[in-house]
C-alpha atoms as a PDB file:
ATOM      1  CA  MET A   1     130.236 -35.281 100.044  1.00  0.00           C
ATOM      2  CA  TYR A   2     129.481 -38.747  98.709  1.00  0.00           C
ATOM      3  CA  PHE A   3     133.007 -39.878  97.804  1.00  0.00           C
ATOM      4  CA  HIS A   4     133.782 -43.351  99.212  1.00  0.00           C
ATOM      5  CA  ILE A   5     131.056 -43.074 101.864  1.00  0.00           C
ATOM      6  CA  LYS A   6     129.287 -46.302 102.804  1.00  0.00           C
ATOM      7  CA  PRO A   7     126.953 -47.888 101.957  1.00  0.00           C
ATOM      8  CA  GLU A   8     127.200 -46.653  98.349  1.00  0.00           C
ATOM      9  CA  ASN A   9     131.002 -46.223  98.241  1.00  0.00           C
ATOM     10  CA  LEU A  10     130.798 -43.989  95.149  1.00  0.00           C
ATOM     11  CA  ASN A  11     133.893 -43.239  93.094  1.00  0.00           C
ATOM     12  CA  CYS A  12     134.982 -39.703  92.239  1.00  0.00           C
ATOM     13  CA  ALA A  13     132.838 -39.357  89.108  1.00  0.00           C
ATOM     14  CA  GLN A  14     129.760 -40.845  90.763  1.00  0.00           C
ATOM     15  CA  ALA A  15     130.171 -38.611  93.822  1.00  0.00           C
ATOM     16  CA  ILE A  16     129.968 -35.462  91.690  1.00  0.00           C
ATOM     17  CA  LEU A  17     126.849 -36.668  89.888  1.00  0.00           C
ATOM     18  CA  LYS A  18     125.216 -37.682  93.174  1.00  0.00           C
ATOM     19  CA  ALA A  19     125.982 -34.314  94.766  1.00  0.00           C
ATOM     20  CA  PHE A  20     124.137 -32.493  91.995  1.00  0.00           C
ATOM     21  CA  SER A  21     121.564 -35.109  91.066  1.00  0.00           C
ATOM     22  CA  THR A  22     118.647 -32.872  92.024  1.00  0.00           C
ATOM     23  CA  GLU A  23     119.932 -29.725  90.287  1.00  0.00           C
ATOM     24  CA  PHE A  24     120.757 -31.560  87.043  1.00  0.00           C
ATOM     25  CA  ASN A  25     118.072 -34.272  87.231  1.00  0.00           C
ATOM     26  CA  VAL A  26     120.623 -37.119  87.269  1.00  0.00           C
ATOM     27  CA  SER A  27     119.085 -40.558  87.713  1.00  0.00           C
ATOM     28  CA  ASP A  28     120.433 -43.299  89.948  1.00  0.00           C
ATOM     29  CA  GLU A  29     120.986 -45.329  86.772  1.00  0.00           C
ATOM     30  CA  LYS A  30     123.213 -42.599  85.312  1.00  0.00           C
ATOM     31  CA  ILE A  31     125.171 -42.416  88.565  1.00  0.00           C
ATOM     32  CA  ALA A  32     125.651 -46.193  88.412  1.00  0.00           C
ATOM     33  CA  GLU A  33     126.934 -45.917  84.830  1.00  0.00           C
ATOM     34  CA  TYR A  34     129.673 -43.559  86.001  1.00  0.00           C
ATOM     35  CA  LYS A  35     131.276 -46.372  87.976  1.00  0.00           C
ATOM     36  CA  ALA A  36     133.140 -46.919  84.695  1.00  0.00           C
ATOM     37  CA  HIS A  37     134.682 -43.418  84.872  1.00  0.00           C
ATOM     38  CA  GLY A  38     136.498 -43.533  88.214  1.00  0.00           C
ATOM     39  CA  GLY A  39     140.045 -44.610  89.006  1.00  0.00           C
ATOM     40  CA  GLY A  40     141.668 -43.296  85.845  1.00  0.00           C
ATOM     41  CA  ARG A  41     139.085 -44.691  83.453  1.00  0.00           C
ATOM     42  CA  ALA A  42     137.459 -41.428  82.351  1.00  0.00           C
ATOM     43  CA  PRO A  43     138.081 -40.549  78.695  1.00  0.00           C
ATOM     44  CA  GLY A  44     141.676 -39.533  78.098  1.00  0.00           C
ATOM     45  CA  GLY A  45     142.626 -40.688  81.587  1.00  0.00           C
ATOM     46  CA  ILE A  46     141.443 -37.437  83.169  1.00  0.00           C
ATOM     47  CA  CYS A  47     140.254 -37.201  86.756  1.00  0.00           C
ATOM     48  CA  GLY A  48     136.797 -38.725  87.072  1.00  0.00           C
ATOM     49  CA  ALA A  49     135.566 -35.880  89.260  1.00  0.00           C
ATOM     50  CA  LEU A  50     136.626 -33.366  86.614  1.00  0.00           C
ATOM     51  CA  PHE A  51     135.022 -35.462  83.866  1.00  0.00           C
ATOM     52  CA  ALA A  52     131.713 -35.672  85.724  1.00  0.00           C
ATOM     53  CA  ALA A  53     131.724 -31.932  86.465  1.00  0.00           C
ATOM     54  CA  GLN A  54     132.359 -31.211  82.793  1.00  0.00           C
ATOM     55  CA  GLN A  55     129.471 -33.457  81.782  1.00  0.00           C
ATOM     56  CA  LEU A  56     127.135 -31.645  84.153  1.00  0.00           C
ATOM     57  CA  LEU A  57     128.201 -28.166  83.081  1.00  0.00           C
ATOM     58  CA  GLY A  58     128.397 -28.856  79.354  1.00  0.00           C
ATOM     59  CA  GLU A  59     130.588 -27.662  76.522  1.00  0.00           C
ATOM     60  CA  ALA A  60     130.410 -23.978  77.418  1.00  0.00           C
ATOM     61  CA  GLU A  61     132.309 -24.596  80.670  1.00  0.00           C
ATOM     62  CA  LYS A  62     134.398 -27.636  79.723  1.00  0.00           C
ATOM     63  CA  GLU A  63     137.659 -25.904  78.790  1.00  0.00           C
ATOM     64  CA  LYS A  64     137.461 -23.273  81.517  1.00  0.00           C
ATOM     65  CA  LEU A  65     136.882 -25.929  84.150  1.00  0.00           C
ATOM     66  CA  ALA A  66     139.811 -27.979  82.816  1.00  0.00           C
ATOM     67  CA  ALA A  67     142.066 -24.913  82.914  1.00  0.00           C
ATOM     68  CA  GLU A  68     141.084 -24.149  86.517  1.00  0.00           C
ATOM     69  CA  PHE A  69     141.665 -27.757  87.537  1.00  0.00           C
ATOM     70  CA  HIS A  70     145.061 -27.800  85.805  1.00  0.00           C
ATOM     71  CA  HIS A  71     146.039 -24.513  87.432  1.00  0.00           C
ATOM     72  CA  GLU A  72     145.138 -25.888  90.861  1.00  0.00           C
ATOM     73  CA  PHE A  73     146.736 -29.334  90.561  1.00  0.00           C
ATOM     74  CA  GLY A  74     149.222 -29.157  87.667  1.00  0.00           C
ATOM     75  CA  THR A  75     147.629 -31.917  85.596  1.00  0.00           C
ATOM     76  CA  LEU A  76     144.308 -33.397  84.582  1.00  0.00           C
ATOM     77  CA  ASP A  77     145.619 -36.967  84.386  1.00  0.00           C
ATOM     78  CA  CYS A  78     144.261 -39.241  87.113  1.00  0.00           C
ATOM     79  CA  LEU A  79     147.383 -41.346  87.495  1.00  0.00           C
ATOM     80  CA  GLU A  80     149.606 -38.277  87.748  1.00  0.00           C
ATOM     81  CA  LEU A  81     147.215 -36.807  90.304  1.00  0.00           C
ATOM     82  CA  LYS A  82     147.362 -39.987  92.369  1.00  0.00           C
ATOM     83  CA  GLU A  83     151.163 -39.966  92.229  1.00  0.00           C
ATOM     84  CA  SER A  84     151.224 -36.361  93.470  1.00  0.00           C
ATOM     85  CA  GLY A  85     150.329 -37.489  96.981  1.00  0.00           C
ATOM     86  CA  VAL A  86     147.259 -35.252  97.110  1.00  0.00           C
ATOM     87  CA  PRO A  87     144.272 -37.277  98.330  1.00  0.00           C
ATOM     88  CA  CYS A  88     141.542 -37.890  95.746  1.00  0.00           C
ATOM     89  CA  VAL A  89     139.007 -36.319  98.079  1.00  0.00           C
ATOM     90  CA  ASP A  90     140.703 -32.962  97.369  1.00  0.00           C
ATOM     91  CA  PHE A  91     140.071 -33.332  93.624  1.00  0.00           C
ATOM     92  CA  VAL A  92     136.451 -34.263  94.265  1.00  0.00           C
ATOM     93  CA  ALA A  93     136.027 -31.281  96.603  1.00  0.00           C
ATOM     94  CA  PHE A  94     137.536 -28.929  94.017  1.00  0.00           C
ATOM     95  CA  ALA A  95     135.262 -30.203  91.232  1.00  0.00           C
ATOM     96  CA  ASP A  96     132.279 -29.992  93.569  1.00  0.00           C
ATOM     97  CA  LYS A  97     133.134 -26.396  94.460  1.00  0.00           C
ATOM     98  CA  GLN A  98     133.450 -25.401  90.804  1.00  0.00           C
ATOM     99  CA  VAL A  99     130.028 -26.800  89.939  1.00  0.00           C
ATOM    100  CA  GLU A 100     128.500 -25.189  93.020  1.00  0.00           C
ATOM    101  CA  GLU A 101     129.963 -21.766  92.163  1.00  0.00           C
ATOM    102  CA  ARG A 102     128.610 -21.941  88.624  1.00  0.00           C
ATOM    103  CA  LEU A 103     125.160 -22.868  89.887  1.00  0.00           C
ATOM    104  CA  LYS A 104     125.144 -19.804  92.138  1.00  0.00           C
ATOM    105  CA  LYS A 105     125.819 -17.581  89.107  1.00  0.00           C
ATOM    106  CA  LYS A 106     122.753 -18.849  87.250  1.00  0.00           C
END
């Protein structure tokens, strides 16, 4: 897991991209760009880890992944997730697991 680990200190969105950079051919530059999508700044205010996982998996999995995330945590909204008291590392781990499971099915 790469979430908030030094020296890189990656945010939630970056951590997901970094974890699967080899499988999806994600460049270090792309990972750096995703600094703008952590901490509630992903489009629509959704969790950055969810957003990054959706970007990796593409349109075919986007809605299903969102539904699974919502079922698990009750919301997709980053600020609501933070207010829930659940640590962000749990959201990152869930998104990571979902991507990993889908890769195994390929």
